[in-house]
Protein backbone atom coordinates (compact mmCIF):
# COMPACT_ATOMS: atom_id res chain seq x y z
CA UNK A 1 160.58 63.83 157.57
CA UNK A 2 156.87 64.39 157.08
CA UNK A 3 154.90 66.47 159.54
CA UNK A 4 152.88 63.47 160.70
CA UNK A 5 156.04 61.43 161.30
CA UNK A 6 157.68 64.33 163.12
CA UNK A 7 154.56 64.78 165.27
CA UNK A 8 154.57 61.10 166.19
CA UNK A 9 158.27 61.23 167.01
CA UNK A 10 157.71 64.23 169.29
CA UNK A 11 154.93 62.39 171.10
CA UNK A 12 157.08 59.31 171.69
CA UNK A 13 160.27 61.20 172.60
CA UNK A 14 158.36 63.59 174.84
CA UNK A 15 156.63 60.72 176.60
CA UNK A 16 159.96 58.98 177.14
CA UNK A 17 161.53 62.16 178.56
CA UNK A 18 158.56 62.62 180.86
CA UNK A 19 158.74 59.03 182.10
CA UNK A 20 162.50 59.16 182.63
CA UNK A 21 162.27 62.54 184.36
CA UNK A 22 159.61 61.23 186.72
CA UNK A 23 161.56 58.02 187.37
CA UNK A 24 164.78 59.80 188.29
CA UNK A 25 163.12 62.66 190.14
CA UNK A 26 164.00 65.34 187.58
CA UNK A 27 160.96 67.63 187.30
CA UNK A 28 162.60 69.79 184.62
CA UNK A 29 163.09 66.81 182.28
CA UNK A 30 159.60 65.50 183.08
CA UNK A 31 158.08 68.90 182.31
CA UNK A 32 160.02 69.29 179.07
CA UNK A 33 158.93 65.83 178.03
CA UNK A 34 155.29 66.51 178.84
CA UNK A 35 155.43 69.76 176.84
CA UNK A 36 157.05 68.06 173.84
CA UNK A 37 154.49 65.24 173.94
CA UNK A 38 151.59 67.72 174.10
CA UNK A 39 153.01 69.80 171.24
CA UNK A 40 153.24 66.65 169.12
CA UNK A 41 149.65 65.70 169.94
CA UNK A 42 148.33 69.16 169.08
CA UNK A 43 150.30 69.32 165.83
CA UNK A 44 149.04 65.84 164.90
CA UNK A 45 145.42 66.88 165.42
CA UNK A 46 146.00 69.97 163.26
CA UNK A 47 147.55 67.85 160.49
CA UNK A 48 144.63 65.40 160.67
CA UNK A 49 142.14 68.28 160.43
CA UNK A 50 143.94 69.69 157.38
CA UNK A 51 143.86 66.33 155.59
CA UNK A 52 140.18 65.90 156.47
CA UNK A 53 139.38 69.33 155.02
CA UNK A 54 141.27 68.47 151.83
CA UNK A 55 139.22 65.28 151.65
CA UNK A 56 135.98 67.22 151.83
CA UNK A 57 137.22 69.43 149.00
CA UNK A 58 138.17 66.45 146.84
CA UNK A 59 134.78 64.84 147.46
CA UNK A 60 132.94 67.99 146.42
CA UNK A 61 135.14 68.40 143.36
CA UNK A 62 134.56 64.76 142.44
CA UNK A 63 130.80 65.06 142.80
CA UNK A 64 130.78 68.10 140.52
CA UNK A 65 133.05 66.45 137.94
CA UNK A 66 130.92 63.30 137.91
CA UNK A 67 127.69 65.25 137.52
CA UNK A 68 129.04 67.47 134.75
CA UNK A 69 130.67 64.52 132.98
CA UNK A 70 127.39 62.62 133.10
CA UNK A 71 125.39 65.63 131.89
CA UNK A 72 127.64 66.26 128.89
CA UNK A 73 128.38 62.60 128.16
CA UNK A 74 132.08 62.81 128.98
CA UNK A 75 133.28 59.51 130.48
CA UNK A 76 136.78 60.88 131.12
CA UNK A 77 135.40 63.64 133.32
CA UNK A 78 133.14 61.13 135.07
CA UNK A 79 136.18 58.94 135.79
CA UNK A 80 138.13 61.92 137.15
CA UNK A 81 135.16 62.68 139.36
CA UNK A 82 135.04 59.14 140.68
CA UNK A 83 138.78 59.25 141.39
CA UNK A 84 138.46 62.52 143.30
CA UNK A 85 135.53 61.15 145.28
CA UNK A 86 137.57 58.09 146.23
CA UNK A 87 140.55 60.25 147.21
CA UNK A 88 138.29 62.44 149.31
CA UNK A 89 136.83 59.41 151.08
CA UNK A 90 140.32 58.18 151.97
CA UNK A 91 141.47 61.59 153.18
CA UNK A 92 138.35 62.13 155.30
CA UNK A 93 138.94 58.83 157.08
CA UNK A 94 142.53 59.57 158.12
């Protein structure tokens, strides 16, 4: 299971435990659920930040490849640069 999927599962399961614990008057279950939900949220934000940072790196790499490819007349390198720029744009918008 991917980290992002696991994080989402922890948020949902934790929220359900919290709701059930509150509904049945079980503060231990409610607290465990709240903690699990919060851990999932924090881990998800960390995973999103990591992907965003990778996107910035791919964009920079793509810009450099495109510029060098253009300067030396290498269309293959220009195409790689464009691909990395596109990948970076996708990753930054996660």
